PDB file of all heavy atoms in Angstrom:
ATOM      1  N   ALA A   1       2.788  31.837  77.739  1.00  0.00           N
ATOM      2  CA  ALA A   1       4.230  31.911  78.000  1.00  0.00           C
ATOM      3  C   ALA A   1       4.633  33.313  78.429  1.00  0.00           C
ATOM      4  O   ALA A   1       5.419  33.499  79.377  1.00  0.00           O
ATOM      5  CB  ALA A   1       5.006  31.479  76.758  1.00  0.00           C
ATOM      6  N   LYS A   2       4.106  34.326  77.746  1.00  0.00           N
ATOM      7  CA  LYS A   2       4.423  35.713  78.119  1.00  0.00           C
ATOM      8  C   LYS A   2       3.942  36.024  79.526  1.00  0.00           C
ATOM      9  O   LYS A   2       4.647  36.667  80.315  1.00  0.00           O
ATOM     10  CB  LYS A   2       3.781  36.687  77.108  1.00  0.00           C
ATOM     11  CG  LYS A   2       4.457  36.706  75.749  1.00  0.00           C
ATOM     12  CD  LYS A   2       3.960  37.847  74.871  1.00  0.00           C
ATOM     13  CE  LYS A   2       2.585  37.624  74.327  1.00  0.00           C
ATOM     14  NZ  LYS A   2       2.167  38.667  73.356  1.00  0.00           N
ATOM     15  N   ASN A   3       2.755  35.556  79.836  1.00  0.00           N
ATOM     16  CA  ASN A   3       2.168  35.853  81.137  1.00  0.00           C
ATOM     17  C   ASN A   3       2.996  35.254  82.278  1.00  0.00           C
ATOM     18  O   ASN A   3       3.238  35.908  83.298  1.00  0.00           O
ATOM     19  CB  ASN A   3       0.738  35.329  81.194  1.00  0.00           C
ATOM     20  CG  ASN A   3      -0.164  36.224  82.011  1.00  0.00           C
ATOM     21  OD1 ASN A   3      -0.223  37.442  81.792  1.00  0.00           O
ATOM     22  ND2 ASN A   3      -0.842  35.654  82.979  1.00  0.00           N
ATOM     23  N   LEU A   4       3.432  34.000  82.104  1.00  0.00           N
ATOM     24  CA  LEU A   4       4.250  33.350  83.122  1.00  0.00           C
ATOM     25  C   LEU A   4       5.530  34.125  83.373  1.00  0.00           C
ATOM     26  O   LEU A   4       5.974  34.277  84.511  1.00  0.00           O
ATOM     27  CB  LEU A   4       4.581  31.919  82.693  1.00  0.00           C
ATOM     28  CG  LEU A   4       3.462  30.893  82.842  1.00  0.00           C
ATOM     29  CD1 LEU A   4       3.840  29.601  82.134  1.00  0.00           C
ATOM     30  CD2 LEU A   4       3.161  30.616  84.306  1.00  0.00           C
ATOM     31  N   ALA A   5       6.143  34.617  82.307  1.00  0.00           N
ATOM     32  CA  ALA A   5       7.429  35.303  82.423  1.00  0.00           C
ATOM     33  C   ALA A   5       7.306  36.735  82.920  1.00  0.00           C
ATOM     34  O   ALA A   5       8.254  37.272  83.507  1.00  0.00           O
ATOM     35  CB  ALA A   5       8.152  35.288  81.075  1.00  0.00           C
ATOM     36  N   ASN A   6       6.172  37.366  82.700  1.00  0.00           N
ATOM     37  CA  ASN A   6       6.026  38.777  83.063  1.00  0.00           C
ATOM     38  C   ASN A   6       5.806  39.014  84.557  1.00  0.00           C
ATOM     39  O   ASN A   6       6.007  40.126  85.043  1.00  0.00           O
ATOM     40  CB  ASN A   6       4.872  39.408  82.276  1.00  0.00           C
ATOM     41  CG  ASN A   6       5.275  39.778  80.857  1.00  0.00           C
ATOM     42  OD1 ASN A   6       6.433  40.091  80.587  1.00  0.00           O
ATOM     43  ND2 ASN A   6       4.326  39.741  79.936  1.00  0.00           N
ATOM     44  N   HIS A   7       5.373  37.999  85.276  1.00  0.00           N
ATOM     45  CA  HIS A   7       5.163  38.171  86.713  1.00  0.00           C
ATOM     46  C   HIS A   7       6.489  38.484  87.416  1.00  0.00           C
ATOM     47  O   HIS A   7       7.544  38.002  87.007  1.00  0.00           O
ATOM     48  CB  HIS A   7       4.549  36.910  87.330  1.00  0.00           C
ATOM     49  CG  HIS A   7       3.091  36.741  87.051  1.00  0.00           C
ATOM     50  ND1 HIS A   7       2.130  37.544  87.622  1.00  0.00           N
ATOM     51  CD2 HIS A   7       2.430  35.869  86.250  1.00  0.00           C
ATOM     52  CE1 HIS A   7       0.934  37.163  87.198  1.00  0.00           C
ATOM     53  NE2 HIS A   7       1.088  36.160  86.364  1.00  0.00           N
ATOM     54  N   PRO A   8       6.454  39.285  88.477  1.00  0.00           N
ATOM     55  CA  PRO A   8       7.694  39.621  89.202  1.00  0.00           C
ATOM     56  C   PRO A   8       8.233  38.424  89.971  1.00  0.00           C
ATOM     57  O   PRO A   8       7.505  37.459  90.253  1.00  0.00           O
ATOM     58  CB  PRO A   8       7.241  40.735  90.150  1.00  0.00           C
ATOM     59  CG  PRO A   8       5.785  40.474  90.370  1.00  0.00           C
ATOM     60  CD  PRO A   8       5.268  39.928  89.071  1.00  0.00           C
ATOM     61  N   GLY A   9       9.505  38.517  90.338  1.00  0.00           N
ATOM     62  CA  GLY A   9      10.177  37.404  90.986  1.00  0.00           C
ATOM     63  C   GLY A   9       9.614  37.031  92.337  1.00  0.00           C
ATOM     64  O   GLY A   9       9.739  35.874  92.757  1.00  0.00           O
ATOM     65  N   ASN A  10       8.996  37.986  93.032  1.00  0.00           N
ATOM     66  CA  ASN A  10       8.417  37.637  94.342  1.00  0.00           C
ATOM     67  C   ASN A  10       7.115  36.837  94.209  1.00  0.00           C
ATOM     68  O   ASN A  10       6.641  36.248  95.170  1.00  0.00           O
ATOM     69  CB  ASN A  10       8.171  38.894  95.192  1.00  0.00           C
ATOM     70  CG  ASN A  10       7.189  39.852  94.559  1.00  0.00           C
ATOM     71  OD1 ASN A  10       7.217  40.080  93.352  1.00  0.00           O
ATOM     72  ND2 ASN A  10       6.328  40.446  95.357  1.00  0.00           N
ATOM     73  N   ILE A  11       6.549  36.814  93.009  1.00  0.00           N
ATOM     74  CA  ILE A  11       5.352  36.012  92.728  1.00  0.00           C
ATOM     75  C   ILE A  11       5.753  34.744  91.956  1.00  0.00           C
ATOM     76  O   ILE A  11       5.378  33.632  92.323  1.00  0.00           O
ATOM     77  CB  ILE A  11       4.321  36.815  91.904  1.00  0.00           C
ATOM     78  CG1 ILE A  11       3.906  38.084  92.665  1.00  0.00           C
ATOM     79  CG2 ILE A  11       3.119  35.946  91.558  1.00  0.00           C
ATOM     80  CD1 ILE A  11       3.185  37.830  93.969  1.00  0.00           C
ATOM     81  N   ALA A  12       6.489  34.936  90.887  1.00  0.00           N
ATOM     82  CA  ALA A  12       6.848  33.818  90.007  1.00  0.00           C
ATOM     83  C   ALA A  12       8.074  33.089  90.540  1.00  0.00           C
ATOM     84  O   ALA A  12       9.176  33.182  90.004  1.00  0.00           O
ATOM     85  CB  ALA A  12       7.102  34.317  88.587  1.00  0.00           C
ATOM     86  N   THR A  13       7.885  32.354  91.613  1.00  0.00           N
ATOM     87  CA  THR A  13       8.929  31.525  92.205  1.00  0.00           C
ATOM     88  C   THR A  13       8.958  30.166  91.504  1.00  0.00           C
ATOM     89  O   THR A  13       8.063  29.854  90.703  1.00  0.00           O
ATOM     90  CB  THR A  13       8.638  31.316  93.696  1.00  0.00           C
ATOM     91  OG1 THR A  13       7.379  30.627  93.801  1.00  0.00           O
ATOM     92  CG2 THR A  13       8.554  32.644  94.432  1.00  0.00           C
ATOM     93  N   PRO A  14       9.953  29.323  91.782  1.00  0.00           N
ATOM     94  CA  PRO A  14       9.939  27.969  91.216  1.00  0.00           C
ATOM     95  C   PRO A  14       8.651  27.202  91.533  1.00  0.00           C
ATOM     96  O   PRO A  14       8.119  26.491  90.674  1.00  0.00           O
ATOM     97  CB  PRO A  14      11.165  27.317  91.858  1.00  0.00           C
ATOM     98  CG  PRO A  14      12.114  28.453  92.079  1.00  0.00           C
ATOM     99  CD  PRO A  14      11.236  29.602  92.459  1.00  0.00           C
ATOM    100  N   LEU A  15       8.137  27.352  92.756  1.00  0.00           N
ATOM    101  CA  LEU A  15       6.887  26.682  93.117  1.00  0.00           C
ATOM    102  C   LEU A  15       5.712  27.200  92.298  1.00  0.00           C
ATOM    103  O   LEU A  15       4.831  26.435  91.885  1.00  0.00           O
ATOM    104  CB  LEU A  15       6.604  26.871  94.611  1.00  0.00           C
ATOM    105  CG  LEU A  15       7.396  25.966  95.566  1.00  0.00           C
ATOM    106  CD1 LEU A  15       7.238  26.461  97.008  1.00  0.00           C
ATOM    107  CD2 LEU A  15       6.929  24.516  95.449  1.00  0.00           C
ATOM    108  N   HIS A  16       5.684  28.510  92.051  1.00  0.00           N
ATOM    109  CA  HIS A  16       4.638  29.127  91.233  1.00  0.00           C
ATOM    110  C   HIS A  16       4.686  28.554  89.821  1.00  0.00           C
ATOM    111  O   HIS A  16       3.643  28.199  89.244  1.00  0.00           O
ATOM    112  CB  HIS A  16       4.859  30.651  91.209  1.00  0.00           C
ATOM    113  CG  HIS A  16       3.962  31.412  90.282  1.00  0.00           C
ATOM    114  ND1 HIS A  16       4.255  31.604  88.956  1.00  0.00           N
ATOM    115  CD2 HIS A  16       2.778  32.056  90.498  1.00  0.00           C
ATOM    116  CE1 HIS A  16       3.299  32.327  88.394  1.00  0.00           C
ATOM    117  NE2 HIS A  16       2.398  32.611  89.310  1.00  0.00           N
ATOM    118  N   LEU A  17       5.874  28.431  89.273  1.00  0.00           N
ATOM    119  CA  LEU A  17       6.044  27.904  87.921  1.00  0.00           C
ATOM    120  C   LEU A  17       5.572  26.451  87.857  1.00  0.00           C
ATOM    121  O   LEU A  17       4.847  26.060  86.925  1.00  0.00           O
ATOM    122  CB  LEU A  17       7.513  28.007  87.508  1.00  0.00           C
ATOM    123  CG  LEU A  17       7.853  27.778  86.038  1.00  0.00           C
ATOM    124  CD1 LEU A  17       7.141  28.785  85.147  1.00  0.00           C
ATOM    125  CD2 LEU A  17       9.362  27.872  85.829  1.00  0.00           C
ATOM    126  N   ALA A  18       5.947  25.668  88.864  1.00  0.00           N
ATOM    127  CA  ALA A  18       5.544  24.260  88.900  1.00  0.00           C
ATOM    128  C   ALA A  18       4.028  24.125  89.039  1.00  0.00           C
ATOM    129  O   ALA A  18       3.402  23.275  88.378  1.00  0.00           O
ATOM    130  CB  ALA A  18       6.240  23.552  90.061  1.00  0.00           C
ATOM    131  N   ARG A  19       3.437  24.958  89.862  1.00  0.00           N
ATOM    132  CA  ARG A  19       1.991  24.907  90.080  1.00  0.00           C
ATOM    133  C   ARG A  19       1.232  25.219  88.790  1.00  0.00           C
ATOM    134  O   ARG A  19       0.262  24.546  88.439  1.00  0.00           O
ATOM    135  CB  ARG A  19       1.596  25.876  91.188  1.00  0.00           C
ATOM    136  CG  ARG A  19       0.121  25.805  91.560  1.00  0.00           C
ATOM    137  CD  ARG A  19      -0.176  26.568  92.841  1.00  0.00           C
ATOM    138  NE  ARG A  19       0.138  27.984  92.743  1.00  0.00           N
ATOM    139  CZ  ARG A  19       1.153  28.577  93.362  1.00  0.00           C
ATOM    140  NH1 ARG A  19       1.966  27.878  94.122  1.00  0.00           N
ATOM    141  NH2 ARG A  19       1.368  29.875  93.227  1.00  0.00           N
ATOM    142  N   HIS A  20       1.695  26.254  88.080  1.00  0.00           N
ATOM    143  CA  HIS A  20       1.027  26.620  86.832  1.00  0.00           C
ATOM    144  C   HIS A  20       1.215  25.563  85.755  1.00  0.00           C
ATOM    145  O   HIS A  20       0.295  25.293  84.964  1.00  0.00           O
ATOM    146  CB  HIS A  20       1.510  27.991  86.360  1.00  0.00           C
ATOM    147  CG  HIS A  20       0.776  29.125  87.005  1.00  0.00           C
ATOM    148  ND1 HIS A  20      -0.348  29.695  86.455  1.00  0.00           N
ATOM    149  CD2 HIS A  20       0.976  29.752  88.185  1.00  0.00           C
ATOM    150  CE1 HIS A  20      -0.800  30.650  87.258  1.00  0.00           C
ATOM    151  NE2 HIS A  20      -0.016  30.708  88.308  1.00  0.00           N
ATOM    152  N   ALA A  21       2.392  24.966  85.691  1.00  0.00           N
ATOM    153  CA  ALA A  21       2.621  23.888  84.730  1.00  0.00           C
ATOM    154  C   ALA A  21       1.659  22.734  85.002  1.00  0.00           C
ATOM    155  O   ALA A  21       1.083  22.143  84.071  1.00  0.00           O
ATOM    156  CB  ALA A  21       4.068  23.409  84.810  1.00  0.00           C
ATOM    157  N   ASN A  22       1.456  22.422  86.255  1.00  0.00           N
ATOM    158  CA  ASN A  22       0.551  21.332  86.638  1.00  0.00           C
ATOM    159  C   ASN A  22      -0.897  21.669  86.282  1.00  0.00           C
ATOM    160  O   ASN A  22      -1.641  20.829  85.756  1.00  0.00           O
ATOM    161  CB  ASN A  22       0.685  21.053  88.135  1.00  0.00           C
ATOM    162  CG  ASN A  22      -0.029  19.794  88.550  1.00  0.00           C
ATOM    163  OD1 ASN A  22       0.108  18.754  87.910  1.00  0.00           O
ATOM    164  ND2 ASN A  22      -0.813  19.866  89.618  1.00  0.00           N
ATOM    165  N   GLU A  23      -1.305  22.912  86.540  1.00  0.00           N
ATOM    166  CA  GLU A  23      -2.668  23.327  86.207  1.00  0.00           C
ATOM    167  C   GLU A  23      -2.914  23.267  84.698  1.00  0.00           C
ATOM    168  O   GLU A  23      -3.971  22.815  84.240  1.00  0.00           O
ATOM    169  CB  GLU A  23      -2.914  24.749  86.725  1.00  0.00           C
ATOM    170  CG  GLU A  23      -3.025  24.839  88.250  1.00  0.00           C
ATOM    171  CD  GLU A  23      -3.086  26.275  88.739  1.00  0.00           C
ATOM    172  OE1 GLU A  23      -3.018  27.203  87.903  1.00  0.00           O
ATOM    173  OE2 GLU A  23      -3.194  26.472  89.971  1.00  0.00           O
ATOM    174  N   LEU A  24      -1.929  23.737  83.920  1.00  0.00           N
ATOM    175  CA  LEU A  24      -2.075  23.725  82.464  1.00  0.00           C
ATOM    176  C   LEU A  24      -2.091  22.299  81.921  1.00  0.00           C
ATOM    177  O   LEU A  24      -2.800  22.009  80.946  1.00  0.00           O
ATOM    178  CB  LEU A  24      -0.945  24.531  81.816  1.00  0.00           C
ATOM    179  CG  LEU A  24      -1.021  26.052  82.025  1.00  0.00           C
ATOM    180  CD1 LEU A  24       0.290  26.711  81.635  1.00  0.00           C
ATOM    181  CD2 LEU A  24      -2.171  26.650  81.214  1.00  0.00           C
ATOM    182  N   SER A  25      -1.341  21.404  82.547  1.00  0.00           N
ATOM    183  CA  SER A  25      -1.323  20.008  82.090  1.00  0.00           C
ATOM    184  C   SER A  25      -2.708  19.378  82.229  1.00  0.00           C
ATOM    185  O   SER A  25      -3.155  18.623  81.371  1.00  0.00           O
ATOM    186  CB  SER A  25      -0.276  19.212  82.871  1.00  0.00           C
ATOM    187  OG  SER A  25      -0.697  18.954  84.203  1.00  0.00           O
ATOM    188  N   LYS A  26      -3.384  19.698  83.316  1.00  0.00           N
ATOM    189  CA  LYS A  26      -4.734  19.161  83.531  1.00  0.00           C
ATOM    190  C   LYS A  26      -5.734  19.792  82.555  1.00  0.00           C
ATOM    191  O   LYS A  26      -6.654  19.119  82.069  1.00  0.00           O
ATOM    192  CB  LYS A  26      -5.177  19.421  84.965  1.00  0.00           C
ATOM    193  CG  LYS A  26      -4.365  18.636  86.003  1.00  0.00           C
ATOM    194  CD  LYS A  26      -4.753  19.033  87.426  1.00  0.00           C
ATOM    195  CE  LYS A  26      -3.913  18.273  88.447  1.00  0.00           C
ATOM    196  NZ  LYS A  26      -4.208  18.709  89.846  1.00  0.00           N
ATOM    197  N   LYS A  27      -5.548  21.050  82.279  1.00  0.00           N
ATOM    198  CA  LYS A  27      -6.477  21.757  81.391  1.00  0.00           C
ATOM    199  C   LYS A  27      -6.340  21.305  79.940  1.00  0.00           C
ATOM    200  O   LYS A  27      -7.345  21.167  79.226  1.00  0.00           O
ATOM    201  CB  LYS A  27      -6.237  23.270  81.502  1.00  0.00           C
ATOM    202  CG  LYS A  27      -7.169  24.115  80.652  1.00  0.00           C
ATOM    203  CD  LYS A  27      -6.904  25.596  80.875  1.00  0.00           C
ATOM    204  CE  LYS A  27      -7.832  26.449  80.008  1.00  0.00           C
ATOM    205  NZ  LYS A  27      -7.594  27.908  80.208  1.00  0.00           N
ATOM    206  N   PHE A  28      -5.097  21.076  79.495  1.00  0.00           N
ATOM    207  CA  PHE A  28      -4.876  20.832  78.065  1.00  0.00           C
ATOM    208  C   PHE A  28      -4.521  19.380  77.733  1.00  0.00           C
ATOM    209  O   PHE A  28      -4.416  19.028  76.566  1.00  0.00           O
ATOM    210  CB  PHE A  28      -3.795  21.776  77.540  1.00  0.00           C
ATOM    211  CG  PHE A  28      -4.213  23.222  77.573  1.00  0.00           C
ATOM    212  CD1 PHE A  28      -3.702  24.087  78.520  1.00  0.00           C
ATOM    213  CD2 PHE A  28      -5.145  23.701  76.676  1.00  0.00           C
ATOM    214  CE1 PHE A  28      -4.093  25.421  78.573  1.00  0.00           C
ATOM    215  CE2 PHE A  28      -5.550  25.029  76.701  1.00  0.00           C
ATOM    216  CZ  PHE A  28      -5.031  25.889  77.659  1.00  0.00           C
ATOM    217  N   GLY A  29      -4.297  18.543  78.735  1.00  0.00           N
ATOM    218  CA  GLY A  29      -4.151  17.124  78.441  1.00  0.00           C
ATOM    219  C   GLY A  29      -2.745  16.656  78.166  1.00  0.00           C
ATOM    220  O   GLY A  29      -2.528  15.878  77.221  1.00  0.00           O
ATOM    221  N   PHE A  30      -1.781  17.101  78.954  1.00  0.00           N
ATOM    222  CA  PHE A  30      -0.447  16.501  78.932  1.00  0.00           C
ATOM    223  C   PHE A  30      -0.062  16.207  80.377  1.00  0.00           C
ATOM    224  O   PHE A  30      -0.732  16.659  81.303  1.00  0.00           O
ATOM    225  CB  PHE A  30       0.586  17.404  78.239  1.00  0.00           C
ATOM    226  CG  PHE A  30       0.677  18.809  78.762  1.00  0.00           C
ATOM    227  CD1 PHE A  30       1.542  19.136  79.802  1.00  0.00           C
ATOM    228  CD2 PHE A  30      -0.082  19.839  78.208  1.00  0.00           C
ATOM    229  CE1 PHE A  30       1.642  20.435  80.284  1.00  0.00           C
ATOM    230  CE2 PHE A  30       0.007  21.146  78.681  1.00  0.00           C
ATOM    231  CZ  PHE A  30       0.872  21.440  79.725  1.00  0.00           C
ATOM    232  N   SER A  31       0.963  15.414  80.586  1.00  0.00           N
ATOM    233  CA  SER A  31       1.305  15.016  81.946  1.00  0.00           C
ATOM    234  C   SER A  31       2.331  15.963  82.551  1.00  0.00           C
ATOM    235  O   SER A  31       3.121  16.590  81.841  1.00  0.00           O
ATOM    236  CB  SER A  31       1.844  13.584  81.969  1.00  0.00           C
ATOM    237  OG  SER A  31       3.125  13.522  81.381  1.00  0.00           O
TER     238      SER A  31
END
């Protein structure tokens, strides 16, 4: 959670957030 929030705004866009949520869902087993 800290890592996601610490990235600057030019990197952590809405698409970046969605992409990471999707990657974590596959890694940890939620949809």
